[in-house]
């Protein structure tokens, strides 16, 4: 008898390490406790077989902190679902719906947010997300849809554990190698990386193919091409060419993470000699060559982002305007305004430009000399908001073209005196004013002039002149008292050229 007891003790002691190892693996022996017997009764009452119950209770507990090699991102607080970038709207709906129930407790036969078992979670999610009737339990769900390879999973696919016809567990694939599932009693709905517990097979029940529309903005409203300022349009990733905008308005996008890839800029003012030049710094390429008015700077169809830009004016345009521009840069937002060839954006930081604003800023007009020449013909203009410009001489331009600025008064001299020059002026709201070049300080535009010479000069010279009119441009040359400009049309003179021609 004593020998039998010793042998029995050895056998029992030999079994103890095996029980400890099973517990360390997160597998709980469901045999022989009142609690487990109660759980089994609940499972059988919910329609599970004894075999299914045993398999469910032996699902590993992957949240067990004593098993680091089996840990995964299974806690709701640590998990953040990534949005589906490719797939279908239906798949996105299923994932979004399933994520709502992380933390809901396991209940045998449960199919509501008060408690779920594995097939009940699937049933409820598909009903809410797609209004689809997915019958429980797993043995019914495994017959839905079509079987798919575990190497070709898509969000919304159902992952099954167990042999076909006698499955005991199911989860919903949510992408990134993870599924959401209701594991077993004592646990809650959670997310599991399936590399820790590979399913036996998968079924695809979402058969519709409604592509997810990317989160893209509407293209900006198109603005008419301006002939008095700057025009520009940008080529944006996933969008293509945006519509033309003008004078300080936004081109590109903000808040969508889309890169600018190219730009076209036009200096629309043909009334001023000069143009716009610009170049861009492109990811992986560096600074590209300068291009001119309306040409493409950057790339299209290559997926390479513009990271910085430089813009400058040429010719008379550069004398009349500063060109100012501001970039919106990835992770930085709007940068400060820069101008006249300075760099806007970043280089060497790998950050893309996403939007730009460009505008012309009129410079104070500098024209002619401040000192009146004492020989020959000289004249000057008084301009709206500018005052008197400097004196210019025979056949030179006085005033401006292409800037929309009205002349208000004109002074003409010969050999430093006005005595030999006769002038009449057609002034806004006043009509013809004799022996006058217009008005100063009254805000009234000059609309037409007549110039003639005194008797002692008219025998030797003719005075020839032409004017630049708002909305019409340069009119024909006239001479010796003829009208230059318009009467009754309300159009301002903007510039004048005068020439003394010997007879």
Protein backbone atom coordinates (compact mmCIF):
# COMPACT_ATOMS: atom_id res chain seq x y z
CA UNK A 1 0.00 0.00 0.00
CA UNK A 2 2.81 2.40 0.89
CA UNK A 3 4.52 1.61 -2.42
CA UNK A 4 1.32 2.43 -4.32
CA UNK A 5 0.98 5.81 -2.58
CA UNK A 6 4.61 6.70 -3.45
CA UNK A 7 4.09 5.84 -7.12
CA UNK A 8 0.87 7.88 -7.24
CA UNK A 9 2.61 10.88 -5.68
CA UNK A 10 5.38 10.72 -8.29
CA UNK A 11 2.80 10.69 -11.05
CA UNK A 12 0.96 13.68 -9.57
CA UNK A 13 4.17 15.65 -9.07
CA UNK A 14 5.14 14.93 -12.65
CA UNK A 15 1.90 16.48 -13.86
CA UNK A 16 2.29 19.82 -12.04
CA UNK A 17 4.80 21.43 -14.46
CA UNK A 18 2.49 20.69 -17.38
CA UNK A 19 -0.38 22.57 -15.71
CA UNK A 20 1.84 25.61 -15.04
CA UNK A 21 3.08 25.69 -18.64
CA UNK A 22 -0.45 25.65 -20.00
CA UNK A 23 -1.43 28.56 -17.77
CA UNK A 24 1.62 30.53 -18.91
CA UNK A 25 0.50 30.09 -22.50
CA UNK A 26 -2.79 31.74 -21.65
CA UNK A 27 -4.77 28.52 -21.98
CA UNK A 28 -7.12 27.80 -19.09
CA UNK A 29 -8.14 24.24 -18.30
CA UNK A 30 -11.95 24.36 -18.42
CA UNK A 31 -12.39 21.12 -16.48
CA UNK A 32 -13.87 20.58 -13.04
CA UNK A 33 -14.74 24.02 -11.53
CA UNK A 34 -18.23 25.17 -10.67
CA UNK A 35 -17.59 28.38 -12.61
CA UNK A 36 -16.58 26.49 -15.75
CA UNK A 37 -19.51 24.18 -15.41
CA UNK A 38 -21.71 27.25 -15.28
CA UNK A 39 -20.02 28.68 -18.39
CA UNK A 40 -20.51 25.38 -20.19
CA UNK A 41 -24.20 25.41 -19.31
CA UNK A 42 -24.46 28.92 -20.75
CA UNK A 43 -22.67 27.85 -23.92
CA UNK A 44 -24.86 24.80 -24.44
CA UNK A 45 -27.95 26.91 -23.81
CA UNK A 46 -26.77 29.34 -26.49
CA UNK A 47 -26.53 26.50 -29.02
CA UNK A 48 -22.83 25.70 -28.86
CA UNK A 49 -21.71 22.10 -28.89
CA UNK A 50 -19.49 20.71 -26.12
CA UNK A 51 -16.59 20.58 -28.61
CA UNK A 52 -17.09 24.21 -29.64
CA UNK A 53 -17.21 25.20 -25.99
CA UNK A 54 -13.93 23.44 -25.27
CA UNK A 55 -12.25 25.13 -28.25
CA UNK A 56 -13.51 28.58 -27.29
CA UNK A 57 -12.37 28.25 -23.72
CA UNK A 58 -8.93 27.25 -25.00
CA UNK A 59 -8.51 30.39 -27.14
CA UNK A 60 -5.20 31.87 -25.96
CA UNK A 61 -5.41 35.02 -23.83
CA UNK A 62 -3.18 37.36 -25.83
CA UNK A 63 -3.56 40.21 -23.36
CA UNK A 64 -1.74 38.21 -20.65
CA UNK A 65 1.16 40.43 -19.61
CA UNK A 66 3.15 37.41 -18.48
CA UNK A 67 3.48 36.26 -22.08
CA UNK A 68 5.35 39.05 -23.91
CA UNK A 69 5.96 36.95 -27.00
CA UNK A 70 2.21 36.71 -27.50
CA UNK A 71 1.29 40.31 -26.80
CA UNK A 72 -0.31 42.35 -29.54
CA UNK A 73 -2.06 45.67 -29.85
CA UNK A 74 -5.17 44.27 -28.25
CA UNK A 75 -6.27 47.02 -25.91
CA UNK A 76 -8.76 49.58 -27.16
CA UNK A 77 -6.81 52.44 -25.61
CA UNK A 78 -3.62 51.50 -27.46
CA UNK A 79 -5.18 50.85 -30.85
CA UNK A 80 -5.92 53.45 -33.48
CA UNK A 81 -7.46 52.16 -36.68
CA UNK A 82 -5.91 53.41 -39.89
CA UNK A 83 -8.36 54.60 -42.54
CA UNK A 84 -8.76 52.37 -45.58
CA UNK A 85 -7.07 54.18 -48.47
CA UNK A 86 -8.04 51.59 -51.08
CA UNK A 87 -11.07 49.35 -51.17
CA UNK A 88 -14.78 50.01 -51.14
CA UNK A 89 -17.18 52.17 -49.24
CA UNK A 90 -18.81 48.98 -47.90
CA UNK A 91 -15.51 47.76 -46.45
CA UNK A 92 -14.93 51.10 -44.77
CA UNK A 93 -18.42 51.05 -43.25
CA UNK A 94 -17.88 47.58 -41.77
CA UNK A 95 -14.52 48.54 -40.24
CA UNK A 96 -15.88 51.78 -38.82
CA UNK A 97 -18.88 50.02 -37.32
CA UNK A 98 -16.83 47.20 -35.79
CA UNK A 99 -14.45 49.63 -34.12
CA UNK A 100 -17.32 51.15 -32.16
CA UNK A 101 -17.65 48.05 -30.00
CA UNK A 102 -14.13 47.63 -28.68
CA UNK A 103 -14.43 46.94 -24.96
CA UNK A 104 -17.93 45.36 -25.07
CA UNK A 105 -17.92 42.22 -22.84
CA UNK A 106 -18.26 38.66 -24.13
CA UNK A 107 -21.68 37.06 -23.65
CA UNK A 108 -22.66 33.58 -24.90
CA UNK A 109 -25.08 34.09 -27.79
CA UNK A 110 -24.81 37.88 -27.39
CA UNK A 111 -25.65 39.96 -30.44
CA UNK A 112 -26.05 43.52 -29.12
CA UNK A 113 -23.79 46.23 -27.68
CA UNK A 114 -24.66 45.01 -24.19
CA UNK A 115 -22.64 41.86 -24.94
CA UNK A 116 -21.33 39.89 -27.95
CA UNK A 117 -20.05 36.47 -28.75
CA UNK A 118 -17.91 36.15 -31.88
CA UNK A 119 -20.68 35.42 -34.41
CA UNK A 120 -23.06 37.83 -32.70
CA UNK A 121 -20.54 40.66 -33.22
CA UNK A 122 -20.29 39.81 -36.93
CA UNK A 123 -24.07 39.60 -37.24
CA UNK A 124 -24.65 42.97 -35.55
CA UNK A 125 -21.86 44.84 -37.39
CA UNK A 126 -22.98 43.75 -40.86
CA UNK A 127 -26.61 44.50 -40.05
CA UNK A 128 -25.81 48.03 -38.86
CA UNK A 129 -23.16 48.84 -41.48
CA UNK A 130 -24.70 47.33 -44.61
CA UNK A 131 -28.23 46.27 -43.59
CA UNK A 132 -27.06 42.72 -44.40
CA UNK A 133 -28.61 39.65 -42.77
CA UNK A 134 -25.70 37.49 -41.59
CA UNK A 135 -27.05 34.50 -39.63
CA UNK A 136 -25.30 33.18 -36.54
CA UNK A 137 -23.51 31.01 -35.45
CA UNK A 138 -20.15 30.55 -37.17
CA UNK A 139 -21.22 27.36 -38.94
CA UNK A 140 -23.84 29.40 -40.81
CA UNK A 141 -21.55 32.35 -41.45
CA UNK A 142 -18.78 30.17 -42.93
CA UNK A 143 -21.09 29.30 -45.85
CA UNK A 144 -21.60 32.95 -46.87
CA UNK A 145 -19.83 34.64 -49.79
CA UNK A 146 -16.76 33.14 -51.41
CA UNK A 147 -13.59 31.70 -49.95
CA UNK A 148 -10.46 33.84 -50.31
CA UNK A 149 -6.79 33.21 -49.69
CA UNK A 150 -5.33 34.28 -46.37
CA UNK A 151 -2.66 36.03 -48.47
CA UNK A 152 -5.26 38.17 -50.22
CA UNK A 153 -7.39 39.53 -47.40
CA UNK A 154 -9.41 42.71 -47.64
CA UNK A 155 -11.12 44.69 -44.86
CA UNK A 156 -14.49 43.18 -44.05
CA UNK A 157 -13.47 39.58 -44.79
CA UNK A 158 -14.49 37.01 -42.18
CA UNK A 159 -11.71 34.94 -40.58
CA UNK A 160 -12.66 31.49 -39.28
CA UNK A 161 -11.08 29.10 -36.79
CA UNK A 162 -11.74 25.38 -36.85
CA UNK A 163 -12.57 22.87 -39.55
CA UNK A 164 -15.13 23.73 -42.21
CA UNK A 165 -18.52 22.64 -40.97
CA UNK A 166 -17.51 22.77 -37.32
CA UNK A 167 -15.93 26.21 -36.85
CA UNK A 168 -15.95 27.63 -33.35
CA UNK A 169 -14.66 31.22 -33.79
CA UNK A 170 -14.85 34.13 -36.26
CA UNK A 171 -13.34 37.62 -36.51
CA UNK A 172 -13.62 40.57 -38.92
CA UNK A 173 -10.48 41.51 -40.80
CA UNK A 174 -9.87 45.28 -40.57
CA UNK A 175 -6.63 45.65 -42.53
CA UNK A 176 -3.00 46.07 -41.47
CA UNK A 177 -2.82 42.36 -40.58
CA UNK A 178 -5.38 42.73 -37.80
CA UNK A 179 -8.85 41.52 -36.94
CA UNK A 180 -11.48 42.60 -34.44
CA UNK A 181 -13.24 39.83 -32.52
CA UNK A 182 -15.08 38.82 -29.35
CA UNK A 183 -12.68 36.20 -27.87
CA UNK A 184 -14.28 34.33 -24.93
CA UNK A 185 -15.89 34.73 -21.50
CA UNK A 186 -14.09 37.16 -19.22
CA UNK A 187 -12.74 39.18 -22.16
CA UNK A 188 -14.04 42.01 -24.31
CA UNK A 189 -14.22 42.87 -27.99
CA UNK A 190 -10.66 43.63 -29.00
CA UNK A 191 -8.17 43.90 -31.86
CA UNK A 192 -5.62 41.17 -32.54
CA UNK A 193 -2.69 40.91 -34.90
CA UNK A 194 -3.43 37.65 -36.70
CA UNK A 195 0.23 36.75 -36.98
CA UNK A 196 -0.09 35.59 -33.34
CA UNK A 197 -3.06 33.37 -34.09
CA UNK A 198 -3.55 32.51 -37.72
CA UNK A 199 -7.08 31.72 -38.93
CA UNK A 200 -7.82 28.49 -40.76
CA UNK A 201 -9.66 30.06 -43.69
CA UNK A 202 -11.47 33.25 -44.79
CA UNK A 203 -14.70 34.16 -46.58
CA UNK A 204 -15.54 37.35 -48.45
CA UNK A 205 -19.14 38.42 -47.95
CA UNK A 206 -18.84 41.97 -49.32
CA UNK A 207 -19.27 41.53 -53.06
CA UNK A 208 -20.15 45.06 -54.19
CA UNK A 209 -17.43 47.23 -55.65
CA UNK A 210 -18.21 50.84 -54.90
CA UNK A 211 -14.78 52.51 -54.82
CA UNK A 212 -14.07 54.82 -51.94
CA UNK A 213 -13.91 58.35 -53.22
CA UNK A 214 -10.68 59.99 -52.11
CA UNK A 215 -11.03 62.92 -49.78
CA UNK A 216 -10.38 65.56 -52.41
CA UNK A 217 -11.52 69.17 -52.57
CA UNK A 218 -13.48 70.81 -55.32
CA UNK A 219 -11.35 72.75 -57.75
CA UNK A 220 -11.22 76.45 -57.02
CA UNK A 221 -13.68 78.62 -58.97
CA UNK A 222 -12.18 79.75 -62.26
CA UNK A 223 -11.39 83.45 -62.50
CA UNK A 224 -11.23 85.29 -65.85
CA UNK A 225 -7.74 85.96 -67.15
CA UNK A 226 -6.81 89.42 -65.92
CA UNK A 227 -5.02 91.87 -68.18
CA UNK A 228 -4.19 94.20 -65.32
CA UNK A 229 -2.41 91.84 -62.94
CA UNK A 230 -1.03 88.36 -62.41
CA UNK A 231 -2.60 85.01 -63.36
CA UNK A 232 -1.54 81.61 -62.07
CA UNK A 233 -2.66 77.98 -61.84
CA UNK A 234 -1.09 75.01 -60.06
CA UNK A 235 -0.96 71.31 -60.82
CA UNK A 236 -1.91 69.39 -57.68
CA UNK A 237 -1.33 65.74 -56.79
CA UNK A 238 -4.45 63.60 -57.50
CA UNK A 239 -6.24 66.70 -58.83
CA UNK A 240 -4.40 67.81 -61.96
CA UNK A 241 -4.45 71.42 -63.09
CA UNK A 242 -6.51 73.73 -60.92
CA UNK A 243 -8.40 76.68 -62.39
CA UNK A 244 -6.87 80.08 -63.09
CA UNK A 245 -6.80 82.54 -60.18
CA UNK A 246 -5.55 86.10 -60.00
CA UNK A 247 -4.02 88.76 -57.78
CA UNK A 248 -3.47 87.20 -54.34
CA UNK A 249 -6.06 84.41 -54.41
CA UNK A 250 -5.21 80.86 -53.33
CA UNK A 251 -4.09 78.28 -55.88
CA UNK A 252 -3.62 74.69 -54.70
CA UNK A 253 -5.18 73.13 -51.60
CA UNK A 254 -4.98 73.50 -47.83
CA UNK A 255 -5.92 70.77 -45.36
CA UNK A 256 -5.91 67.82 -47.78
CA UNK A 257 -2.22 66.86 -47.70
CA UNK A 258 -1.91 67.26 -51.48
CA UNK A 259 1.37 68.44 -53.00
CA UNK A 260 1.78 71.04 -55.69
CA UNK A 261 3.67 69.48 -58.61
CA UNK A 262 3.84 72.31 -61.16
CA UNK A 263 2.78 75.91 -61.75
CA UNK A 264 2.09 78.31 -64.63
CA UNK A 265 2.23 82.09 -64.10
CA UNK A 266 1.16 84.79 -66.55
CA UNK A 267 1.82 88.52 -66.35
CA UNK A 268 -1.33 89.56 -68.12
CA UNK A 269 -0.64 93.25 -68.61
CA UNK A 270 0.28 93.78 -72.26
CA UNK A 271 0.22 97.53 -71.70
CA UNK A 272 3.56 97.34 -69.88
CA UNK A 273 6.77 96.06 -71.43
CA UNK A 274 8.10 93.09 -69.48
CA UNK A 275 7.08 89.69 -68.22
CA UNK A 276 7.33 87.22 -65.32
CA UNK A 277 10.02 84.59 -64.78
CA UNK A 278 9.94 81.78 -62.21
CA UNK A 279 11.59 78.54 -61.20
CA UNK A 280 10.79 75.76 -58.73
CA UNK A 281 12.71 73.41 -56.45
CA UNK A 282 11.41 69.87 -56.99
CA UNK A 283 11.78 66.81 -54.75
CA UNK A 284 14.66 64.64 -55.93
CA UNK A 285 15.67 67.13 -58.64
CA UNK A 286 16.58 70.39 -56.93
CA UNK A 287 16.19 73.76 -58.66
CA UNK A 288 14.91 73.54 -62.23
CA UNK A 289 15.67 76.15 -64.92
CA UNK A 290 13.93 79.51 -65.04
CA UNK A 291 10.87 79.62 -67.30
CA UNK A 292 8.93 82.55 -68.74
CA UNK A 293 5.38 83.81 -68.90
CA UNK A 294 2.86 80.93 -69.10
CA UNK A 295 5.38 78.08 -69.29
CA UNK A 296 5.23 75.07 -66.95
CA UNK A 297 7.62 75.04 -63.99
CA UNK A 298 7.77 71.64 -62.30
CA UNK A 299 6.57 68.22 -63.43
CA UNK A 300 3.30 66.48 -64.19
CA UNK A 301 2.68 62.75 -64.15
CA UNK A 302 5.82 62.00 -62.14
CA UNK A 303 4.45 62.38 -58.61
CA UNK A 304 7.23 64.79 -57.62
CA UNK A 305 6.36 67.69 -55.33
CA UNK A 306 7.33 71.33 -55.66
CA UNK A 307 9.12 72.33 -52.46
CA UNK A 308 10.08 75.97 -53.12
CA UNK A 309 9.65 78.72 -55.71
CA UNK A 310 11.28 81.98 -56.85
CA UNK A 311 9.41 84.58 -58.95
CA UNK A 312 10.60 87.84 -60.53
CA UNK A 313 9.46 90.46 -63.03
CA UNK A 314 11.42 91.72 -66.01
CA UNK A 315 11.58 94.95 -68.04
CA UNK A 316 9.31 97.90 -67.32
CA UNK A 317 7.03 95.61 -65.32
CA UNK A 318 9.77 95.33 -62.67
CA UNK A 319 9.94 99.15 -62.48
CA UNK A 320 6.20 99.42 -61.96
CA UNK A 321 5.52 96.51 -59.59
CA UNK A 322 6.93 94.32 -56.86
CA UNK A 323 5.77 90.72 -57.20
CA UNK A 324 4.94 89.22 -53.80
CA UNK A 325 4.16 85.58 -53.05
CA UNK A 326 3.38 83.30 -50.10
CA UNK A 327 3.59 79.50 -49.83
CA UNK A 328 1.63 77.01 -47.76
CA UNK A 329 4.06 74.23 -46.81
CA UNK A 330 3.44 70.73 -45.45
CA UNK A 331 3.62 70.67 -41.61
CA UNK A 332 4.38 74.41 -41.49
CA UNK A 333 1.31 76.16 -42.87
CA UNK A 334 1.52 79.60 -44.46
CA UNK A 335 5.00 81.08 -44.56
CA UNK A 336 5.71 84.82 -44.62
CA UNK A 337 5.32 86.83 -47.83
CA UNK A 338 8.49 87.30 -49.89
CA UNK A 339 9.06 89.18 -53.15
CA UNK A 340 11.14 89.78 -56.27
CA UNK A 341 13.08 86.54 -56.70
CA UNK A 342 13.35 85.52 -53.05
CA UNK A 343 12.77 81.88 -52.08
CA UNK A 344 9.37 80.85 -50.75
CA UNK A 345 9.02 77.33 -49.39
CA UNK A 346 11.77 75.05 -48.12
CA UNK A 347 14.73 73.17 -49.53
CA UNK A 348 16.51 70.24 -47.93
CA UNK A 349 13.66 69.47 -45.54
CA UNK A 350 11.61 67.13 -47.71
CA UNK A 351 8.47 69.25 -47.30
CA UNK A 352 6.11 69.87 -50.20
CA UNK A 353 4.37 73.10 -51.12
CA UNK A 354 0.60 72.71 -51.08
CA UNK A 355 -0.71 76.15 -52.07
CA UNK A 356 0.46 79.59 -53.18
CA UNK A 357 -0.77 83.17 -53.36
CA UNK A 358 0.79 85.69 -55.78
CA UNK A 359 0.08 89.39 -56.15
CA UNK A 360 1.47 92.54 -57.74
CA UNK A 361 2.20 95.51 -55.50
CA UNK A 362 2.40 98.81 -57.36
CA UNK A 363 5.58 100.74 -56.77
CA UNK A 364 5.70 104.48 -56.38
CA UNK A 365 6.17 105.71 -59.92
CA UNK A 366 9.53 107.31 -60.63
CA UNK A 367 9.64 109.06 -63.99
CA UNK A 368 11.72 111.82 -65.60
CA UNK A 369 13.72 114.51 -63.79
CA UNK A 370 12.74 116.73 -60.92
CA UNK A 371 14.42 119.73 -62.54
CA UNK A 372 12.73 121.48 -65.46
CA UNK A 373 15.04 121.52 -68.55
CA UNK A 374 15.62 125.08 -69.77
CA UNK A 375 16.03 124.17 -73.45
CA UNK A 376 13.72 122.36 -75.83
CA UNK A 377 10.40 120.62 -75.16
CA UNK A 378 9.58 119.30 -71.68
CA UNK A 379 6.35 118.09 -70.07
CA UNK A 380 5.03 116.32 -66.99
CA UNK A 381 1.82 114.64 -65.76
CA UNK A 382 -0.15 114.79 -62.54
CA UNK A 383 -1.54 111.29 -61.82
CA UNK A 384 -4.32 109.99 -59.63
CA UNK A 385 -2.90 109.02 -56.21
CA UNK A 386 0.65 109.72 -57.43
CA UNK A 387 0.88 113.47 -57.83
CA UNK A 388 3.31 115.18 -60.23
CA UNK A 389 5.79 112.97 -62.03
CA UNK A 390 9.16 114.23 -63.23
CA UNK A 391 9.79 116.14 -66.44
CA UNK A 392 10.33 114.18 -69.64
CA UNK A 393 11.54 115.53 -72.96
CA UNK A 394 10.65 115.41 -76.67
CA UNK A 395 8.84 112.20 -77.70
CA UNK A 396 9.09 110.48 -74.30
CA UNK A 397 6.19 108.89 -72.41
CA UNK A 398 4.65 110.83 -69.54
CA UNK A 399 2.14 109.00 -67.34
CA UNK A 400 1.55 105.25 -67.30
CA UNK A 401 0.10 102.50 -69.49
CA UNK A 402 -1.39 99.29 -68.27
CA UNK A 403 -1.69 100.36 -64.64
CA UNK A 404 -5.17 101.85 -64.74
CA UNK A 405 -4.01 105.23 -63.40
CA UNK A 406 -5.73 108.39 -64.66
CA UNK A 407 -3.99 111.60 -65.60
CA UNK A 408 -5.52 114.67 -63.99
CA UNK A 409 -3.35 117.49 -65.29
CA UNK A 410 -0.62 118.21 -67.87
CA UNK A 411 2.19 120.81 -67.95
CA UNK A 412 4.04 121.56 -71.21
CA UNK A 413 7.11 123.83 -71.55
CA UNK A 414 9.39 125.05 -74.30
CA UNK A 415 12.78 126.45 -73.30
CA UNK A 416 11.66 126.49 -69.70
CA UNK A 417 8.47 128.51 -70.32
CA UNK A 418 4.76 127.89 -70.89
CA UNK A 419 4.29 131.11 -72.83
CA UNK A 420 4.67 129.59 -76.29
CA UNK A 421 2.40 126.58 -75.61
CA UNK A 422 -1.39 126.91 -75.74
CA UNK A 423 -3.43 124.11 -74.17
CA UNK A 424 -7.13 123.37 -73.57
CA UNK A 425 -8.34 120.42 -71.46
CA UNK A 426 -11.51 118.30 -71.41
CA UNK A 427 -12.02 117.48 -67.70
CA UNK A 428 -14.43 114.99 -66.12
CA UNK A 429 -17.71 116.69 -65.07
CA UNK A 430 -16.45 120.11 -66.26
CA UNK A 431 -16.11 119.85 -70.02
CA UNK A 432 -13.56 121.99 -71.87
CA UNK A 433 -11.43 124.34 -69.81
CA UNK A 434 -9.50 126.85 -71.91
CA UNK A 435 -5.88 127.72 -71.22
CA UNK A 436 -5.59 124.87 -68.78
CA UNK A 437 -3.96 121.47 -68.56
CA UNK A 438 -6.60 120.10 -66.19
CA UNK A 439 -7.14 120.14 -62.42
CA UNK A 440 -5.18 119.21 -59.30
CA UNK A 441 -6.66 118.15 -55.96
CA UNK A 442 -10.20 117.66 -57.26
CA UNK A 443 -9.96 113.98 -58.20
CA UNK A 444 -11.12 114.64 -61.76
CA UNK A 445 -9.70 112.76 -64.71
CA UNK A 446 -8.32 114.40 -67.84
CA UNK A 447 -10.18 113.07 -70.90
CA UNK A 448 -8.89 115.06 -73.89
CA UNK A 449 -6.40 117.84 -74.74
CA UNK A 450 -5.68 120.28 -77.56
CA UNK A 451 -2.13 121.63 -77.95
CA UNK A 452 -0.93 124.42 -80.21
CA UNK A 453 2.08 126.77 -80.52
CA UNK A 454 2.34 130.54 -80.32
CA UNK A 455 2.75 132.53 -83.51
CA UNK A 456 6.53 132.89 -83.21
CA UNK A 457 6.93 129.06 -82.93
CA UNK A 458 4.18 127.84 -85.24
CA UNK A 459 6.08 129.14 -88.29
CA UNK A 460 9.04 126.90 -87.41
CA UNK A 461 7.45 123.83 -85.76
CA UNK A 462 4.38 121.67 -85.54
CA UNK A 463 3.48 120.14 -82.20
CA UNK A 464 2.48 116.48 -82.62
CA UNK A 465 0.95 114.41 -79.81
CA UNK A 466 -0.98 111.27 -78.98
CA UNK A 467 -2.65 109.95 -75.82
CA UNK A 468 -3.19 106.56 -74.21
CA UNK A 469 -6.85 106.16 -73.20
CA UNK A 470 -8.39 103.78 -70.65
CA UNK A 471 -10.00 100.87 -72.47
CA UNK A 472 -8.70 101.98 -75.88
CA UNK A 473 -4.93 102.17 -75.67
CA UNK A 474 -2.92 104.52 -77.84
CA UNK A 475 -4.93 106.74 -80.19
CA UNK A 476 -3.61 108.17 -83.45
CA UNK A 477 -1.17 111.05 -83.58
CA UNK A 478 -2.73 114.51 -84.04
CA UNK A 479 -1.16 117.95 -84.30
CA UNK A 480 -1.51 121.69 -83.92
CA UNK A 481 -4.76 122.11 -81.98
CA UNK A 482 -6.50 118.87 -82.91
CA UNK A 483 -8.32 116.92 -80.18
CA UNK A 484 -6.41 114.01 -78.64
CA UNK A 485 -8.61 111.84 -76.44
CA UNK A 486 -12.35 111.37 -76.11
CA UNK A 487 -15.27 113.66 -75.38
CA UNK A 488 -18.47 112.40 -73.75
CA UNK A 489 -17.22 108.84 -73.24
CA UNK A 490 -15.94 109.21 -69.69
CA UNK A 491 -12.55 107.65 -70.53
CA UNK A 492 -9.42 108.94 -68.84
CA UNK A 493 -6.12 109.84 -70.43
CA UNK A 494 -3.43 107.69 -68.82
CA UNK A 495 -0.32 108.76 -70.74
CA UNK A 496 0.84 111.19 -73.42
CA UNK A 497 3.74 111.57 -75.87
CA UNK A 498 4.56 114.95 -77.42
CA UNK A 499 6.97 115.78 -80.27
CA UNK A 500 8.14 119.02 -81.87
CA UNK A 501 8.57 118.60 -85.63
CA UNK A 502 10.54 121.21 -87.57
CA UNK A 503 8.79 122.61 -90.66
